[in-house]
């Protein structure tokens, strides 16, 4: 393969990804209590307190979904790093700019492909 290699220190990238993963997992564990199902207390049904609890629960569940997506991206980036494919766009296989990787070490695509995906 004659591709130009992206510039990065693999161990630094690995440590950043592992640190991000640990932080996301810790956040998930901490927030678990806010994602539990809101009690179906018939007496308080429709009350502002219940509506607020449901809204907070929905926001916590959405945040957990975002964390899971981020964790999948990190896992995939670690796998690409181990396979020697890290730093290349998964769509066009061209190198991802060092600045883009610095900003987000789990980013899977170059800026051009990301722009087209929209």
N, C-alpha and C. Protein backbone atom coordinates (compact mmCIF):
# COMPACT_ATOMS: atom_id res chain seq x y z
N UNK A 1 0.85 -1.17 0.00
CA UNK A 1 0.00 0.00 0.00
C UNK A 1 0.90 1.24 0.00
N UNK A 2 0.63 2.19 -0.86
CA UNK A 2 1.48 3.36 -0.99
C UNK A 2 0.83 4.62 -0.40
N UNK A 3 -0.04 4.46 0.54
CA UNK A 3 -0.70 5.62 1.13
C UNK A 3 0.29 6.39 2.00
N UNK A 4 0.10 7.70 2.03
CA UNK A 4 0.88 8.55 2.91
C UNK A 4 0.37 8.32 4.34
N UNK A 5 1.29 8.05 5.25
CA UNK A 5 0.90 7.74 6.62
C UNK A 5 0.52 9.00 7.39
N UNK A 6 -0.58 8.97 8.11
CA UNK A 6 -0.94 10.10 8.98
C UNK A 6 0.09 10.22 10.10
N UNK A 7 0.29 11.43 10.56
CA UNK A 7 1.24 11.66 11.65
C UNK A 7 0.52 11.60 12.99
N UNK A 8 0.94 10.67 13.85
CA UNK A 8 0.41 10.59 15.20
C UNK A 8 1.27 9.63 16.00
N UNK A 9 1.24 9.79 17.30
CA UNK A 9 1.94 8.88 18.21
C UNK A 9 0.90 7.87 18.69
N UNK A 10 1.05 6.62 18.28
CA UNK A 10 0.04 5.59 18.56
C UNK A 10 -0.23 5.45 20.06
N UNK A 11 0.80 5.50 20.88
CA UNK A 11 0.59 5.31 22.32
C UNK A 11 -0.18 6.49 22.92
N UNK A 12 0.12 7.69 22.47
CA UNK A 12 -0.61 8.87 22.95
C UNK A 12 -2.07 8.78 22.55
N UNK A 13 -2.32 8.38 21.31
CA UNK A 13 -3.70 8.23 20.84
C UNK A 13 -4.41 7.16 21.65
N UNK A 14 -3.76 6.02 21.86
CA UNK A 14 -4.35 4.93 22.63
C UNK A 14 -4.74 5.41 24.03
N UNK A 15 -3.84 6.14 24.68
CA UNK A 15 -4.11 6.62 26.03
C UNK A 15 -5.26 7.62 26.05
N UNK A 16 -5.30 8.51 25.06
CA UNK A 16 -6.43 9.46 24.99
C UNK A 16 -7.75 8.73 24.83
N UNK A 17 -7.77 7.74 23.94
CA UNK A 17 -9.00 6.98 23.70
C UNK A 17 -9.41 6.20 24.96
N UNK A 18 -8.45 5.58 25.62
CA UNK A 18 -8.76 4.82 26.84
C UNK A 18 -9.26 5.74 27.95
N UNK A 19 -8.67 6.92 28.06
CA UNK A 19 -9.12 7.89 29.06
C UNK A 19 -10.54 8.35 28.76
N UNK A 20 -10.80 8.65 27.50
CA UNK A 20 -12.16 9.05 27.12
C UNK A 20 -13.16 7.94 27.42
N UNK A 21 -12.77 6.70 27.13
CA UNK A 21 -13.67 5.57 27.39
C UNK A 21 -13.95 5.45 28.88
N UNK A 22 -12.92 5.56 29.71
CA UNK A 22 -13.11 5.47 31.16
C UNK A 22 -14.02 6.57 31.68
N UNK A 23 -13.85 7.78 31.16
CA UNK A 23 -14.70 8.90 31.60
C UNK A 23 -16.15 8.67 31.20
N UNK A 24 -16.38 8.20 29.99
CA UNK A 24 -17.75 7.93 29.54
C UNK A 24 -18.39 6.82 30.37
N UNK A 25 -17.63 5.78 30.67
CA UNK A 25 -18.17 4.68 31.48
C UNK A 25 -18.49 5.16 32.89
N UNK A 26 -17.62 6.00 33.45
CA UNK A 26 -17.88 6.55 34.80
C UNK A 26 -19.12 7.44 34.78
N UNK A 27 -19.24 8.28 33.75
CA UNK A 27 -20.43 9.14 33.63
C UNK A 27 -21.69 8.30 33.53
N UNK A 28 -21.62 7.22 32.78
CA UNK A 28 -22.77 6.34 32.60
C UNK A 28 -23.19 5.73 33.93
N UNK A 29 -22.22 5.27 34.69
CA UNK A 29 -22.53 4.67 35.99
C UNK A 29 -23.12 5.70 36.94
N UNK A 30 -22.58 6.89 36.95
CA UNK A 30 -23.07 7.96 37.83
C UNK A 30 -24.49 8.37 37.47
N UNK A 31 -24.79 8.41 36.18
CA UNK A 31 -26.09 8.87 35.72
C UNK A 31 -27.16 7.78 35.71
N UNK A 32 -26.79 6.57 36.04
CA UNK A 32 -27.74 5.45 35.96
C UNK A 32 -29.01 5.70 36.78
N UNK A 33 -28.88 6.34 37.91
CA UNK A 33 -30.03 6.56 38.78
C UNK A 33 -31.07 7.48 38.11
N UNK A 34 -30.65 8.38 37.24
CA UNK A 34 -31.60 9.29 36.60
C UNK A 34 -32.30 8.67 35.41
N UNK A 35 -31.83 7.49 34.99
CA UNK A 35 -32.44 6.84 33.84
C UNK A 35 -33.50 5.80 34.24
N UNK A 36 -33.67 5.56 35.51
CA UNK A 36 -34.63 4.55 35.94
C UNK A 36 -36.05 5.01 35.61
N UNK A 37 -36.92 4.06 35.48
CA UNK A 37 -38.31 4.34 35.12
C UNK A 37 -38.99 5.15 36.21
N UNK A 38 -39.70 6.16 35.79
CA UNK A 38 -40.44 7.01 36.72
C UNK A 38 -41.63 6.21 37.24
N UNK A 39 -41.86 6.29 38.54
CA UNK A 39 -42.98 5.58 39.18
C UNK A 39 -44.32 6.00 38.58
N UNK A 40 -45.19 5.05 38.38
CA UNK A 40 -46.54 5.34 37.88
C UNK A 40 -47.47 5.57 39.06
N UNK A 41 -47.21 6.61 39.81
CA UNK A 41 -48.03 6.98 40.95
C UNK A 41 -49.32 7.60 40.43
N UNK A 42 -50.41 6.89 40.56
CA UNK A 42 -51.69 7.34 40.00
C UNK A 42 -52.14 8.67 40.61
N UNK A 43 -51.85 8.90 41.87
CA UNK A 43 -52.29 10.13 42.52
C UNK A 43 -51.57 11.35 41.93
N UNK A 44 -50.33 11.18 41.51
CA UNK A 44 -49.56 12.29 40.99
C UNK A 44 -49.57 12.37 39.48
N UNK A 45 -50.36 11.55 38.83
CA UNK A 45 -50.40 11.49 37.37
C UNK A 45 -50.77 12.85 36.78
N UNK A 46 -49.93 13.30 35.83
CA UNK A 46 -50.18 14.57 35.18
C UNK A 46 -49.68 15.77 35.96
N UNK A 47 -49.16 15.56 37.11
CA UNK A 47 -48.68 16.69 37.92
C UNK A 47 -47.39 17.24 37.33
N UNK A 48 -47.11 18.51 37.60
CA UNK A 48 -45.87 19.10 37.10
C UNK A 48 -44.62 18.35 37.57
N UNK A 49 -44.65 17.85 38.79
CA UNK A 49 -43.50 17.11 39.30
C UNK A 49 -43.26 15.83 38.49
N UNK A 50 -44.35 15.14 38.15
CA UNK A 50 -44.22 13.92 37.36
C UNK A 50 -43.73 14.24 35.95
N UNK A 51 -44.27 15.32 35.38
CA UNK A 51 -43.85 15.72 34.03
C UNK A 51 -42.36 16.09 34.03
N UNK A 52 -41.92 16.77 35.07
CA UNK A 52 -40.51 17.13 35.16
C UNK A 52 -39.65 15.88 35.30
N UNK A 53 -40.12 14.94 36.11
CA UNK A 53 -39.37 13.69 36.28
C UNK A 53 -39.28 12.92 34.97
N UNK A 54 -40.35 12.90 34.21
CA UNK A 54 -40.34 12.22 32.91
C UNK A 54 -39.40 12.92 31.93
N UNK A 55 -39.40 14.25 31.97
CA UNK A 55 -38.51 15.01 31.09
C UNK A 55 -37.05 14.75 31.46
N UNK A 56 -36.74 14.76 32.74
CA UNK A 56 -35.37 14.48 33.19
C UNK A 56 -34.95 13.07 32.81
N UNK A 57 -35.88 12.13 32.95
CA UNK A 57 -35.59 10.75 32.57
C UNK A 57 -35.30 10.65 31.07
N UNK A 58 -36.08 11.30 30.26
CA UNK A 58 -35.88 11.27 28.81
C UNK A 58 -34.55 11.90 28.42
N UNK A 59 -34.20 13.00 29.07
CA UNK A 59 -32.92 13.64 28.80
C UNK A 59 -31.75 12.74 29.21
N UNK A 60 -31.89 12.07 30.34
CA UNK A 60 -30.84 11.16 30.80
C UNK A 60 -30.70 9.98 29.85
N UNK A 61 -31.81 9.47 29.36
CA UNK A 61 -31.75 8.35 28.42
C UNK A 61 -31.12 8.77 27.10
N UNK A 62 -31.42 9.97 26.63
CA UNK A 62 -30.82 10.48 25.39
C UNK A 62 -29.32 10.67 25.58
N UNK A 63 -28.91 11.18 26.72
CA UNK A 63 -27.49 11.35 27.00
C UNK A 63 -26.78 9.99 27.05
N UNK A 64 -27.44 9.00 27.59
CA UNK A 64 -26.85 7.65 27.63
C UNK A 64 -26.70 7.09 26.22
N UNK A 65 -27.66 7.37 25.36
CA UNK A 65 -27.55 6.94 23.96
C UNK A 65 -26.34 7.60 23.32
N UNK A 66 -26.13 8.89 23.57
CA UNK A 66 -24.95 9.59 23.03
C UNK A 66 -23.66 8.98 23.57
N UNK A 67 -23.65 8.63 24.85
CA UNK A 67 -22.46 8.00 25.44
C UNK A 67 -22.16 6.66 24.77
N UNK A 68 -23.22 5.88 24.52
CA UNK A 68 -23.03 4.57 23.87
C UNK A 68 -22.46 4.72 22.46
N UNK A 69 -22.93 5.72 21.73
CA UNK A 69 -22.40 5.98 20.39
C UNK A 69 -20.92 6.36 20.49
N UNK A 70 -20.60 7.23 21.43
CA UNK A 70 -19.21 7.65 21.62
C UNK A 70 -18.33 6.46 22.01
N UNK A 71 -18.85 5.59 22.86
CA UNK A 71 -18.08 4.40 23.25
C UNK A 71 -17.84 3.48 22.06
N UNK A 72 -18.84 3.33 21.19
CA UNK A 72 -18.65 2.51 19.98
C UNK A 72 -17.59 3.12 19.06
N UNK A 73 -17.62 4.44 18.93
CA UNK A 73 -16.62 5.12 18.10
C UNK A 73 -15.22 4.92 18.67
N UNK A 74 -15.09 4.99 19.99
CA UNK A 74 -13.79 4.80 20.65
C UNK A 74 -13.31 3.37 20.46
N UNK A 75 -14.21 2.41 20.66
CA UNK A 75 -13.84 1.00 20.47
C UNK A 75 -13.38 0.74 19.04
N UNK A 76 -14.10 1.31 18.09
CA UNK A 76 -13.73 1.14 16.68
C UNK A 76 -12.39 1.80 16.39
N UNK A 77 -12.15 2.97 16.95
CA UNK A 77 -10.87 3.65 16.75
C UNK A 77 -9.72 2.82 17.34
N UNK A 78 -9.93 2.24 18.51
CA UNK A 78 -8.90 1.37 19.11
C UNK A 78 -8.64 0.15 18.23
N UNK A 79 -9.69 -0.40 17.67
CA UNK A 79 -9.53 -1.55 16.78
C UNK A 79 -8.75 -1.15 15.52
N UNK A 80 -9.06 0.03 14.97
CA UNK A 80 -8.32 0.50 13.79
C UNK A 80 -6.86 0.75 14.13
N UNK A 81 -6.61 1.26 15.34
CA UNK A 81 -5.24 1.51 15.78
C UNK A 81 -4.46 0.20 15.85
N UNK A 82 -5.07 -0.82 16.43
CA UNK A 82 -4.42 -2.13 16.55
C UNK A 82 -4.18 -2.77 15.18
N UNK A 83 -5.07 -2.53 14.24
CA UNK A 83 -4.98 -3.13 12.91
C UNK A 83 -4.07 -2.33 11.97
N UNK A 84 -3.55 -1.19 12.45
CA UNK A 84 -2.71 -0.35 11.60
C UNK A 84 -3.50 0.46 10.60
N UNK A 85 -4.79 0.62 10.83
CA UNK A 85 -5.66 1.36 9.91
C UNK A 85 -6.09 2.70 10.48
N UNK A 86 -5.62 3.03 11.67
CA UNK A 86 -6.01 4.28 12.32
C UNK A 86 -5.46 5.46 11.53
N UNK A 87 -6.26 6.50 11.45
CA UNK A 87 -5.83 7.72 10.80
C UNK A 87 -6.23 7.80 9.35
N UNK A 88 -6.87 6.74 8.86
CA UNK A 88 -7.37 6.73 7.49
C UNK A 88 -8.88 6.76 7.51
N UNK A 89 -9.44 7.50 6.60
CA UNK A 89 -10.89 7.64 6.47
C UNK A 89 -11.51 6.28 6.15
N UNK A 90 -12.55 5.91 6.87
CA UNK A 90 -13.21 4.62 6.62
C UNK A 90 -14.04 4.66 5.34
N UNK A 91 -14.30 5.85 4.81
CA UNK A 91 -15.09 5.96 3.59
C UNK A 91 -14.22 5.97 2.34
N UNK A 92 -13.19 6.83 2.32
CA UNK A 92 -12.38 6.98 1.10
C UNK A 92 -10.96 6.43 1.24
N UNK A 93 -10.58 6.05 2.46
CA UNK A 93 -9.27 5.46 2.77
C UNK A 93 -8.11 6.44 2.64
N UNK A 94 -8.40 7.74 2.52
CA UNK A 94 -7.35 8.76 2.49
C UNK A 94 -7.01 9.13 3.94
N UNK A 95 -5.82 9.67 4.18
CA UNK A 95 -5.45 10.07 5.54
C UNK A 95 -6.38 11.15 6.09
N UNK A 96 -6.66 11.05 7.36
CA UNK A 96 -7.43 12.07 8.08
C UNK A 96 -6.41 13.09 8.58
N UNK A 97 -6.72 14.37 8.48
CA UNK A 97 -5.76 15.39 8.89
C UNK A 97 -5.41 15.25 10.37
N UNK A 98 -4.16 15.60 10.68
CA UNK A 98 -3.68 15.51 12.07
C UNK A 98 -4.53 16.39 12.99
N UNK A 99 -4.92 17.58 12.51
CA UNK A 99 -5.74 18.47 13.32
C UNK A 99 -7.09 17.86 13.65
N UNK A 100 -7.68 17.17 12.70
CA UNK A 100 -8.98 16.52 12.92
C UNK A 100 -8.83 15.40 13.94
N UNK A 101 -7.76 14.62 13.81
CA UNK A 101 -7.52 13.54 14.77
C UNK A 101 -7.20 14.09 16.15
N UNK A 102 -6.51 15.21 16.20
CA UNK A 102 -6.20 15.84 17.48
C UNK A 102 -7.48 16.30 18.17
N UNK A 103 -8.38 16.89 17.39
CA UNK A 103 -9.65 17.38 17.94
C UNK A 103 -10.53 16.24 18.43
N UNK A 104 -10.53 15.13 17.71
CA UNK A 104 -11.36 13.98 18.07
C UNK A 104 -10.64 12.71 17.62
N UNK A 105 -9.92 12.06 18.53
CA UNK A 105 -9.14 10.88 18.14
C UNK A 105 -9.98 9.69 17.69
N UNK A 106 -11.29 9.74 17.90
CA UNK A 106 -12.16 8.64 17.48
C UNK A 106 -12.84 8.91 16.15
N UNK A 107 -12.52 10.05 15.52
CA UNK A 107 -13.19 10.41 14.27
C UNK A 107 -12.87 9.37 13.19
N UNK A 108 -13.91 8.87 12.49
CA UNK A 108 -13.68 7.81 11.51
C UNK A 108 -13.49 8.29 10.07
N UNK A 109 -13.82 9.56 9.81
CA UNK A 109 -13.79 10.04 8.43
C UNK A 109 -13.00 11.33 8.29
N UNK A 110 -12.51 11.54 7.06
CA UNK A 110 -11.85 12.82 6.76
C UNK A 110 -12.93 13.89 6.67
N UNK A 111 -12.50 15.13 6.64
CA UNK A 111 -13.45 16.25 6.62
C UNK A 111 -14.30 16.23 5.34
N UNK A 112 -13.70 15.84 4.22
CA UNK A 112 -14.44 15.80 2.97
C UNK A 112 -15.58 14.81 3.01
N UNK A 113 -15.30 13.61 3.49
CA UNK A 113 -16.36 12.58 3.57
C UNK A 113 -17.39 12.95 4.63
N UNK A 114 -16.95 13.54 5.72
CA UNK A 114 -17.89 13.96 6.77
C UNK A 114 -18.84 15.03 6.22
N UNK A 115 -18.31 15.94 5.42
CA UNK A 115 -19.14 16.99 4.82
C UNK A 115 -20.17 16.40 3.87
N UNK A 116 -19.77 15.41 3.10
CA UNK A 116 -20.71 14.78 2.16
C UNK A 116 -21.78 13.96 2.88
N UNK A 117 -21.43 13.39 4.05
CA UNK A 117 -22.42 12.60 4.80
C UNK A 117 -23.43 13.50 5.48
N UNK A 118 -23.05 14.72 5.72
CA UNK A 118 -23.88 15.73 6.13
C UNK A 118 -24.57 15.94 7.32
